[in-house]
């Protein structure tokens, strides 16, 4: 692990916390909120790999929950950490030697799986802590958040890494 990687991980973690805290839409039924932090969580998994993706997603999102007063920050650490981990798995990593379309598909699949991990994780939390009515009510907003995170991460990756994907 190099100093540059540690510094990047720290900056991404802070960025996840800031974006999650700033761009919040409350969902009063489940005492939570919908946010845009998933864009950075998935992008960080793509960019830095699964280990850093887990830390960045988990720590950054949990910090935002603590600052917001969301009582399930420890669940968020695990769920968002797994989301970042899933995005950084080797089968979804960008490979410069592959055709652009193949790389685009790899990243698309990775973002869909990462977003699905988040949706399923929060669904399990809601069904365990609340009840099935609240869990199914929160499913829609979480799916929208996951889709926005996946699409946003692909756009950010396409613009910042300068590897044009399709």
N, C-alpha and C. Protein backbone atom coordinates (compact mmCIF):
# COMPACT_ATOMS: atom_id res chain seq x y z
N UNK A 1 0.85 -1.17 0.00
CA UNK A 1 0.00 0.00 0.00
C UNK A 1 0.90 1.24 0.00
N UNK A 2 0.66 2.09 -0.94
CA UNK A 2 1.46 3.29 -1.07
C UNK A 2 0.78 4.47 -0.39
N UNK A 3 1.58 5.48 -0.10
CA UNK A 3 1.06 6.68 0.54
C UNK A 3 0.01 7.35 -0.35
N UNK A 4 0.24 7.34 -1.65
CA UNK A 4 -0.72 7.95 -2.58
C UNK A 4 -2.07 7.25 -2.49
N UNK A 5 -2.09 5.92 -2.40
CA UNK A 5 -3.35 5.18 -2.28
C UNK A 5 -4.07 5.51 -0.99
N UNK A 6 -3.32 5.62 0.09
CA UNK A 6 -3.93 5.96 1.39
C UNK A 6 -4.53 7.36 1.33
N UNK A 7 -3.81 8.29 0.72
CA UNK A 7 -4.33 9.66 0.60
C UNK A 7 -5.58 9.69 -0.27
N UNK A 8 -5.56 8.95 -1.39
CA UNK A 8 -6.74 8.89 -2.25
C UNK A 8 -7.92 8.27 -1.52
N UNK A 9 -7.67 7.21 -0.76
CA UNK A 9 -8.75 6.57 -0.01
C UNK A 9 -9.34 7.54 1.01
N UNK A 10 -8.50 8.31 1.67
CA UNK A 10 -8.99 9.29 2.63
C UNK A 10 -9.82 10.37 1.96
N UNK A 11 -9.38 10.82 0.79
CA UNK A 11 -10.13 11.85 0.08
C UNK A 11 -11.47 11.30 -0.43
N UNK A 12 -11.46 10.08 -0.96
CA UNK A 12 -12.71 9.48 -1.41
C UNK A 12 -13.67 9.26 -0.25
N UNK A 13 -13.14 8.84 0.90
CA UNK A 13 -13.98 8.63 2.09
C UNK A 13 -14.65 9.93 2.50
N UNK A 14 -13.87 11.00 2.54
CA UNK A 14 -14.43 12.31 2.88
C UNK A 14 -15.45 12.76 1.83
N UNK A 15 -15.17 12.49 0.57
CA UNK A 15 -16.08 12.88 -0.50
C UNK A 15 -17.41 12.12 -0.40
N UNK A 16 -17.34 10.83 -0.06
CA UNK A 16 -18.58 10.06 0.14
C UNK A 16 -19.39 10.67 1.26
N UNK A 17 -18.73 10.98 2.38
CA UNK A 17 -19.44 11.56 3.52
C UNK A 17 -20.08 12.91 3.15
N UNK A 18 -19.35 13.74 2.44
CA UNK A 18 -19.86 15.07 2.08
C UNK A 18 -21.02 14.97 1.09
N UNK A 19 -20.85 14.19 0.03
CA UNK A 19 -21.91 14.07 -0.97
C UNK A 19 -23.15 13.43 -0.36
N UNK A 20 -22.95 12.42 0.49
CA UNK A 20 -24.09 11.77 1.15
C UNK A 20 -24.82 12.73 2.07
N UNK A 21 -24.08 13.55 2.80
CA UNK A 21 -24.68 14.47 3.75
C UNK A 21 -25.38 15.63 3.04
N UNK A 22 -24.80 16.13 1.97
CA UNK A 22 -25.36 17.31 1.29
C UNK A 22 -26.59 16.96 0.48
N UNK A 23 -26.54 15.86 -0.26
CA UNK A 23 -27.63 15.51 -1.18
C UNK A 23 -28.53 14.44 -0.56
N UNK A 24 -29.37 14.85 0.39
CA UNK A 24 -30.26 13.92 1.09
C UNK A 24 -31.72 14.27 0.86
N UNK A 25 -32.51 13.22 0.64
CA UNK A 25 -33.96 13.36 0.59
C UNK A 25 -34.51 12.40 1.65
N UNK A 26 -35.09 12.93 2.74
CA UNK A 26 -35.54 12.07 3.83
C UNK A 26 -36.66 11.11 3.41
N UNK A 27 -36.63 9.92 3.98
CA UNK A 27 -37.72 8.95 3.84
C UNK A 27 -38.23 8.68 5.26
N UNK A 28 -39.19 9.47 5.72
CA UNK A 28 -39.63 9.43 7.12
C UNK A 28 -40.15 8.06 7.58
N UNK A 29 -40.73 7.30 6.69
CA UNK A 29 -41.30 6.02 7.09
C UNK A 29 -40.25 5.07 7.66
N UNK A 30 -39.05 5.11 7.11
CA UNK A 30 -37.99 4.23 7.60
C UNK A 30 -36.92 4.99 8.37
N UNK A 31 -37.13 6.25 8.64
CA UNK A 31 -36.20 7.09 9.38
C UNK A 31 -34.86 7.24 8.66
N UNK A 32 -34.84 7.04 7.36
CA UNK A 32 -33.61 7.13 6.59
C UNK A 32 -33.67 8.24 5.57
N UNK A 33 -32.87 8.11 4.53
CA UNK A 33 -32.83 9.12 3.48
C UNK A 33 -32.23 8.52 2.21
N UNK A 34 -32.60 9.11 1.09
CA UNK A 34 -32.04 8.76 -0.20
C UNK A 34 -30.95 9.79 -0.49
N UNK A 35 -29.83 9.34 -1.07
CA UNK A 35 -28.71 10.25 -1.30
C UNK A 35 -27.96 9.89 -2.57
N UNK A 36 -26.99 10.71 -2.93
CA UNK A 36 -26.19 10.48 -4.12
C UNK A 36 -24.79 9.95 -3.81
N UNK A 37 -24.54 9.58 -2.58
CA UNK A 37 -23.22 9.07 -2.20
C UNK A 37 -22.84 7.78 -2.88
N UNK A 38 -23.83 7.03 -3.37
CA UNK A 38 -23.54 5.76 -4.05
C UNK A 38 -22.72 5.97 -5.32
N UNK A 39 -22.83 7.13 -5.91
CA UNK A 39 -22.03 7.42 -7.10
C UNK A 39 -20.55 7.31 -6.75
N UNK A 40 -20.16 7.93 -5.66
CA UNK A 40 -18.75 7.92 -5.25
C UNK A 40 -18.35 6.55 -4.73
N UNK A 41 -19.25 5.87 -4.01
CA UNK A 41 -18.94 4.54 -3.48
C UNK A 41 -18.62 3.57 -4.63
N UNK A 42 -19.47 3.54 -5.63
CA UNK A 42 -19.26 2.62 -6.76
C UNK A 42 -18.05 3.04 -7.58
N UNK A 43 -17.91 4.33 -7.82
CA UNK A 43 -16.75 4.82 -8.56
C UNK A 43 -15.45 4.46 -7.83
N UNK A 44 -15.42 4.64 -6.52
CA UNK A 44 -14.22 4.33 -5.75
C UNK A 44 -13.88 2.85 -5.83
N UNK A 45 -14.91 2.00 -5.82
CA UNK A 45 -14.66 0.57 -5.98
C UNK A 45 -14.05 0.27 -7.33
N UNK A 46 -14.58 0.89 -8.39
CA UNK A 46 -14.01 0.73 -9.73
C UNK A 46 -12.55 1.19 -9.77
N UNK A 47 -12.33 2.36 -9.22
CA UNK A 47 -11.06 3.04 -9.37
C UNK A 47 -9.96 2.46 -8.48
N UNK A 48 -10.31 2.08 -7.26
CA UNK A 48 -9.28 1.66 -6.30
C UNK A 48 -9.31 0.18 -5.95
N UNK A 49 -10.35 -0.53 -6.35
CA UNK A 49 -10.40 -1.96 -6.05
C UNK A 49 -11.26 -2.28 -4.85
N UNK A 50 -11.42 -3.58 -4.60
CA UNK A 50 -12.39 -4.04 -3.61
C UNK A 50 -12.04 -3.69 -2.17
N UNK A 51 -10.78 -3.79 -1.77
CA UNK A 51 -10.41 -3.49 -0.38
C UNK A 51 -10.65 -2.04 -0.02
N UNK A 52 -10.12 -1.17 -0.86
CA UNK A 52 -10.35 0.25 -0.65
C UNK A 52 -11.82 0.60 -0.84
N UNK A 53 -12.47 -0.06 -1.81
CA UNK A 53 -13.90 0.18 -2.03
C UNK A 53 -14.72 -0.11 -0.79
N UNK A 54 -14.38 -1.21 -0.09
CA UNK A 54 -15.09 -1.54 1.15
C UNK A 54 -14.90 -0.45 2.19
N UNK A 55 -13.65 -0.04 2.40
CA UNK A 55 -13.38 0.97 3.41
C UNK A 55 -14.02 2.31 3.07
N UNK A 56 -13.85 2.74 1.82
CA UNK A 56 -14.38 4.04 1.40
C UNK A 56 -15.91 4.06 1.52
N UNK A 57 -16.56 3.03 0.97
CA UNK A 57 -18.02 2.98 1.03
C UNK A 57 -18.54 2.88 2.45
N UNK A 58 -17.92 2.02 3.25
CA UNK A 58 -18.38 1.82 4.61
C UNK A 58 -18.12 3.01 5.51
N UNK A 59 -16.88 3.46 5.54
CA UNK A 59 -16.52 4.55 6.46
C UNK A 59 -17.16 5.87 6.05
N UNK A 60 -17.12 6.19 4.76
CA UNK A 60 -17.70 7.46 4.30
C UNK A 60 -19.19 7.55 4.54
N UNK A 61 -19.90 6.48 4.23
CA UNK A 61 -21.35 6.47 4.42
C UNK A 61 -21.73 6.44 5.90
N UNK A 62 -20.97 5.68 6.69
CA UNK A 62 -21.25 5.64 8.14
C UNK A 62 -21.01 7.01 8.78
N UNK A 63 -19.96 7.70 8.35
CA UNK A 63 -19.72 9.05 8.87
C UNK A 63 -20.87 9.99 8.54
N UNK A 64 -21.38 9.89 7.32
CA UNK A 64 -22.53 10.73 6.94
C UNK A 64 -23.74 10.40 7.81
N UNK A 65 -23.95 9.12 8.08
CA UNK A 65 -25.07 8.72 8.95
C UNK A 65 -24.89 9.26 10.36
N UNK A 66 -23.69 9.22 10.87
CA UNK A 66 -23.42 9.74 12.22
C UNK A 66 -23.69 11.24 12.25
N UNK A 67 -23.20 11.96 11.24
CA UNK A 67 -23.43 13.42 11.18
C UNK A 67 -24.91 13.75 11.03
N UNK A 68 -25.66 12.88 10.35
CA UNK A 68 -27.09 13.10 10.12
C UNK A 68 -27.93 12.69 11.32
N UNK A 69 -27.42 11.78 12.13
CA UNK A 69 -28.18 11.27 13.27
C UNK A 69 -28.95 10.00 12.95
N UNK A 70 -28.61 9.34 11.83
CA UNK A 70 -29.26 8.09 11.45
C UNK A 70 -28.78 7.00 12.40
N UNK A 71 -29.71 6.30 13.07
CA UNK A 71 -29.30 5.37 14.13
C UNK A 71 -28.67 4.06 13.67
N UNK A 72 -28.76 3.74 12.40
CA UNK A 72 -28.25 2.45 11.92
C UNK A 72 -26.94 2.60 11.14
N UNK A 73 -26.06 3.49 11.61
CA UNK A 73 -24.80 3.74 10.92
C UNK A 73 -23.92 2.50 10.84
N UNK A 74 -24.02 1.62 11.81
CA UNK A 74 -23.21 0.40 11.81
C UNK A 74 -23.68 -0.56 10.70
N UNK A 75 -24.97 -0.57 10.40
CA UNK A 75 -25.48 -1.37 9.28
C UNK A 75 -25.03 -0.72 7.97
N UNK A 76 -25.09 0.60 7.93
CA UNK A 76 -24.64 1.32 6.75
C UNK A 76 -23.18 1.01 6.45
N UNK A 77 -22.35 0.94 7.49
CA UNK A 77 -20.94 0.62 7.28
C UNK A 77 -20.80 -0.70 6.54
N UNK A 78 -21.55 -1.70 6.97
CA UNK A 78 -21.46 -3.02 6.33
C UNK A 78 -22.08 -3.01 4.92
N UNK A 79 -23.28 -2.46 4.79
CA UNK A 79 -23.98 -2.49 3.50
C UNK A 79 -23.21 -1.69 2.44
N UNK A 80 -22.84 -0.47 2.76
CA UNK A 80 -22.13 0.37 1.79
C UNK A 80 -20.71 -0.13 1.57
N UNK A 81 -20.12 -0.72 2.60
CA UNK A 81 -18.81 -1.33 2.41
C UNK A 81 -18.88 -2.48 1.42
N UNK A 82 -19.89 -3.31 1.55
CA UNK A 82 -20.07 -4.42 0.61
C UNK A 82 -20.39 -3.91 -0.79
N UNK A 83 -21.09 -2.79 -0.87
CA UNK A 83 -21.36 -2.19 -2.17
C UNK A 83 -20.06 -1.77 -2.86
N UNK A 84 -19.20 -1.09 -2.12
CA UNK A 84 -17.90 -0.69 -2.68
C UNK A 84 -17.03 -1.89 -3.02
N UNK A 85 -17.09 -2.92 -2.18
CA UNK A 85 -16.34 -4.15 -2.41
C UNK A 85 -16.80 -4.83 -3.70
N UNK A 86 -18.12 -4.92 -3.87
CA UNK A 86 -18.68 -5.56 -5.07
C UNK A 86 -18.27 -4.81 -6.33
N UNK A 87 -18.27 -3.48 -6.28
CA UNK A 87 -17.88 -2.69 -7.45
C UNK A 87 -16.41 -2.90 -7.79
N UNK A 88 -15.60 -3.21 -6.80
CA UNK A 88 -14.17 -3.36 -7.03
C UNK A 88 -13.70 -4.77 -7.32
N UNK A 89 -14.63 -5.71 -7.43
CA UNK A 89 -14.23 -7.09 -7.72
C UNK A 89 -13.51 -7.18 -9.07
N UNK A 90 -12.56 -8.06 -9.16
CA UNK A 90 -11.73 -8.20 -10.35
C UNK A 90 -12.51 -8.39 -11.65
N UNK A 91 -13.59 -9.18 -11.68
CA UNK A 91 -14.30 -9.33 -12.96
C UNK A 91 -14.87 -8.03 -13.51
N UNK A 92 -15.01 -7.02 -12.66
CA UNK A 92 -15.59 -5.76 -13.11
C UNK A 92 -14.54 -4.67 -13.30
N UNK A 93 -13.29 -5.00 -13.10
CA UNK A 93 -12.23 -4.00 -13.20
C UNK A 93 -12.01 -3.59 -14.65
N UNK A 94 -11.61 -2.35 -14.81
CA UNK A 94 -11.30 -1.83 -16.14
C UNK A 94 -9.98 -2.45 -16.61
N UNK A 95 -9.97 -2.94 -17.82
CA UNK A 95 -8.76 -3.54 -18.41
C UNK A 95 -8.47 -2.80 -19.71
N UNK A 96 -7.38 -2.04 -19.75
CA UNK A 96 -7.09 -1.23 -20.95
C UNK A 96 -6.90 -2.05 -22.22
N UNK A 97 -6.53 -3.31 -22.10
CA UNK A 97 -6.28 -4.12 -23.29
C UNK A 97 -7.55 -4.71 -23.90
N UNK A 98 -8.67 -4.59 -23.22
CA UNK A 98 -9.94 -5.08 -23.76
C UNK A 98 -10.59 -4.03 -24.65
N UNK A 99 -11.47 -4.45 -25.56
CA UNK A 99 -12.21 -3.47 -26.36
C UNK A 99 -13.09 -2.59 -25.46
N UNK A 100 -13.37 -1.40 -25.95
CA UNK A 100 -14.14 -0.43 -25.16
C UNK A 100 -15.51 -0.97 -24.78
N UNK A 101 -16.16 -1.66 -25.69
CA UNK A 101 -17.49 -2.19 -25.39
C UNK A 101 -17.42 -3.24 -24.29
N UNK A 102 -16.40 -4.06 -24.30
CA UNK A 102 -16.25 -5.09 -23.26
C UNK A 102 -16.01 -4.44 -21.90
N UNK A 103 -15.20 -3.40 -21.87
CA UNK A 103 -14.97 -2.69 -20.61
C UNK A 103 -16.25 -2.01 -20.12
N UNK A 104 -16.98 -1.44 -21.05
CA UNK A 104 -18.25 -0.82 -20.66
C UNK A 104 -19.20 -1.82 -20.04
N UNK A 105 -19.27 -3.01 -20.60
CA UNK A 105 -20.14 -4.06 -20.04
C UNK A 105 -19.65 -4.52 -18.67
N UNK A 106 -18.34 -4.65 -18.51
CA UNK A 106 -17.79 -5.06 -17.21
C UNK A 106 -18.19 -4.06 -16.13
N UNK A 107 -18.02 -2.78 -16.43
CA UNK A 107 -18.35 -1.74 -15.46
C UNK A 107 -19.86 -1.66 -15.23
N UNK A 108 -20.64 -1.85 -16.28
CA UNK A 108 -22.09 -1.84 -16.13
C UNK A 108 -22.54 -2.98 -15.22
N UNK A 109 -22.05 -4.18 -15.46
CA UNK A 109 -22.41 -5.32 -14.60
C UNK A 109 -21.97 -5.07 -13.16
N UNK A 110 -20.77 -4.55 -13.00
CA UNK A 110 -20.27 -4.27 -11.65
C UNK A 110 -21.13 -3.26 -10.91
N UNK A 111 -21.55 -2.22 -11.62
CA UNK A 111 -22.36 -1.19 -10.97
C UNK A 111 -23.75 -1.73 -10.62
N UNK A 112 -24.31 -2.58 -11.49
CA UNK A 112 -25.62 -3.17 -11.20
C UNK A 112 -25.53 -4.09 -9.99
N UNK A 113 -24.50 -4.90 -9.93
CA UNK A 113 -24.35 -5.82 -8.79
C UNK A 113 -24.10 -5.03 -7.51
N UNK A 114 -23.26 -4.00 -7.57
CA UNK A 114 -22.98 -3.19 -6.39
C UNK A 114 -24.25 -2.51 -5.88
N UNK A 115 -25.03 -1.94 -6.79
CA UNK A 115 -26.28 -1.29 -6.39
C UNK A 115 -27.26 -2.32 -5.82
N UNK A 116 -27.29 -3.51 -6.39
CA UNK A 116 -28.17 -4.57 -5.88
C UNK A 116 -27.79 -4.99 -4.48
N UNK A 117 -26.50 -5.01 -4.20
CA UNK A 117 -26.03 -5.34 -2.84
C UNK A 117 -26.57 -4.31 -1.85
N UNK A 118 -26.53 -3.03 -2.24
CA UNK A 118 -27.05 -1.99 -1.35
C UNK A 118 -28.55 -2.13 -1.14
N UNK A 119 -29.29 -2.35 -2.20
CA UNK A 119 -30.75 -2.47 -2.10
C UNK A 119 -31.12 -3.67 -1.23
N UNK A 120 -30.50 -4.79 -1.47
CA UNK A 120 -30.79 -6.01 -0.67
C UNK A 120 -30.39 -5.84 0.78
N UNK A 121 -29.25 -5.22 1.02
CA UNK A 121 -28.79 -5.01 2.39
C UNK A 121 -29.75 -4.15 3.19
N UNK A 122 -30.20 -3.06 2.61
CA UNK A 122 -31.16 -2.21 3.32
C UNK A 122 -32.53 -2.85 3.42
N UNK A 123 -32.90 -3.65 2.44
CA UNK A 123 -34.17 -4.37 2.54
C UNK A 123 -34.12 -5.32 3.74
N UNK A 124 -33.02 -6.04 3.91
CA UNK A 124 -32.88 -6.93 5.07
C UNK A 124 -32.92 -6.16 6.39
N UNK A 125 -32.29 -5.00 6.42
CA UNK A 125 -32.35 -4.17 7.62
C UNK A 125 -33.79 -3.77 7.93
N UNK A 126 -34.50 -3.27 6.92
CA UNK A 126 -35.86 -2.79 7.14
C UNK A 126 -36.81 -3.91 7.54
N UNK A 127 -36.65 -5.07 6.94
CA UNK A 127 -37.56 -6.16 7.27
C UNK A 127 -37.26 -6.71 8.67
N UNK A 128 -36.00 -6.60 9.10
CA UNK A 128 -35.61 -7.07 10.43
C UNK A 128 -36.01 -6.07 11.51
N UNK A 129 -35.73 -4.80 11.29
CA UNK A 129 -35.97 -3.78 12.31
C UNK A 129 -37.41 -3.30 12.32
N UNK A 130 -37.98 -3.11 11.15
CA UNK A 130 -39.33 -2.58 11.07
C UNK A 130 -40.31 -3.73 10.78
N UNK A 131 -40.93 -3.69 9.63
CA UNK A 131 -41.82 -4.77 9.21
C UNK A 131 -41.83 -4.83 7.69
N UNK A 132 -42.54 -5.81 7.16
CA UNK A 132 -42.50 -6.00 5.71
C UNK A 132 -43.13 -4.83 4.95
N UNK A 133 -44.12 -4.18 5.52
CA UNK A 133 -44.75 -3.04 4.84
C UNK A 133 -43.72 -1.92 4.66
N UNK A 134 -43.01 -1.58 5.72
CA UNK A 134 -42.00 -0.53 5.62
C UNK A 134 -40.84 -0.96 4.73
N UNK A 135 -40.49 -2.24 4.79
CA UNK A 135 -39.39 -2.74 3.96
C UNK A 135 -39.73 -2.61 2.48
N UNK A 136 -40.94 -2.98 2.11
CA UNK A 136 -41.33 -2.88 0.70
C UNK A 136 -41.55 -1.43 0.29
N UNK A 137 -41.95 -0.59 1.22
CA UNK A 137 -42.11 0.84 0.92
C UNK A 137 -40.75 1.48 0.64
N UNK A 138 -39.73 1.07 1.36
CA UNK A 138 -38.40 1.64 1.17
C UNK A 138 -37.68 1.05 -0.03
N UNK A 139 -38.19 -0.04 -0.56
CA UNK A 139 -37.54 -0.71 -1.68
C UNK A 139 -37.47 0.19 -2.92
N UNK A 140 -38.54 0.89 -3.22
CA UNK A 140 -38.57 1.78 -4.39
C UNK A 140 -37.53 2.89 -4.32
N UNK A 141 -37.51 3.68 -3.23
CA UNK A 141 -36.49 4.73 -3.13
C UNK A 141 -35.07 4.17 -3.16
N UNK A 142 -34.85 3.01 -2.53
CA UNK A 142 -33.51 2.43 -2.55
C UNK A 142 -33.11 1.97 -3.95
N UNK A 143 -34.07 1.47 -4.71
CA UNK A 143 -33.78 1.07 -6.09
C UNK A 143 -33.45 2.29 -6.95
N UNK A 144 -34.16 3.38 -6.73
CA UNK A 144 -33.86 4.62 -7.46
C UNK A 144 -32.47 5.12 -7.08
N UNK A 145 -32.15 5.07 -5.79
CA UNK A 145 -30.82 5.49 -5.33
C UNK A 145 -29.74 4.61 -5.94
N UNK A 146 -29.97 3.31 -5.98
CA UNK A 146 -29.00 2.39 -6.56
C UNK A 146 -28.80 2.63 -8.05
N UNK A 147 -29.90 2.84 -8.76
CA UNK A 147 -29.81 3.10 -10.20
C UNK A 147 -29.08 4.42 -10.47
N UNK A 148 -29.38 5.44 -9.68
CA UNK A 148 -28.69 6.72 -9.84
C UNK A 148 -27.20 6.58 -9.52
N UNK A 149 -26.89 5.80 -8.50
CA UNK A 149 -25.49 5.57 -8.14
C UNK A 149 -24.74 4.84 -9.23
N UNK A 150 -25.37 3.82 -9.80
CA UNK A 150 -24.74 3.04 -10.87
C UNK A 150 -24.52 3.91 -12.11
N UNK A 151 -25.56 4.62 -12.53
CA UNK A 151 -25.44 5.47 -13.72
C UNK A 151 -24.44 6.60 -13.49
N UNK A 152 -24.50 7.21 -12.32
CA UNK A 152 -23.58 8.30 -12.00
C UNK A 152 -22.13 7.84 -11.95
N UNK A 153 -21.89 6.66 -11.38
CA UNK A 153 -20.53 6.14 -11.30
C UNK A 153 -19.97 5.87 -12.69
N UNK A 154 -20.81 5.34 -13.57
CA UNK A 154 -20.36 5.10 -14.95
C UNK A 154 -20.03 6.41 -15.66
N UNK A 155 -20.86 7.43 -15.46
CA UNK A 155 -20.59 8.73 -16.07
C UNK A 155 -19.31 9.36 -15.52
N UNK A 156 -19.15 9.32 -14.21
CA UNK A 156 -17.96 9.90 -13.58
C UNK A 156 -16.71 9.15 -14.05
N UNK A 157 -16.77 7.82 -14.09
CA UNK A 157 -15.63 7.04 -14.57
C UNK A 157 -15.29 7.40 -16.00
N UNK A 158 -16.30 7.52 -16.82
CA UNK A 158 -16.10 7.85 -18.23
C UNK A 158 -15.45 9.23 -18.39
N UNK A 159 -15.82 10.18 -17.57
CA UNK A 159 -15.31 11.55 -17.71
C UNK A 159 -13.96 11.75 -17.03
N UNK A 160 -13.72 11.10 -15.90
CA UNK A 160 -12.52 11.40 -15.13
C UNK A 160 -11.33 10.52 -15.46
N UNK A 161 -11.57 9.28 -15.76
CA UNK A 161 -10.47 8.36 -16.02
C UNK A 161 -10.01 8.49 -17.48
N UNK A 162 -10.79 9.20 -18.29
CA UNK A 162 -10.50 9.42 -19.70
C UNK A 162 -10.40 8.13 -20.50
N UNK A 163 -11.10 7.14 -20.08
CA UNK A 163 -11.19 5.89 -20.83
C UNK A 163 -12.61 5.83 -21.35
N UNK A 164 -12.84 6.29 -22.52
CA UNK A 164 -14.19 6.35 -23.07
C UNK A 164 -14.77 4.95 -23.19
N UNK A 165 -15.84 4.73 -22.47
CA UNK A 165 -16.52 3.44 -22.51
C UNK A 165 -17.88 3.63 -23.17
N UNK A 166 -18.46 2.56 -23.61
CA UNK A 166 -19.76 2.64 -24.26
C UNK A 166 -20.78 1.95 -23.40
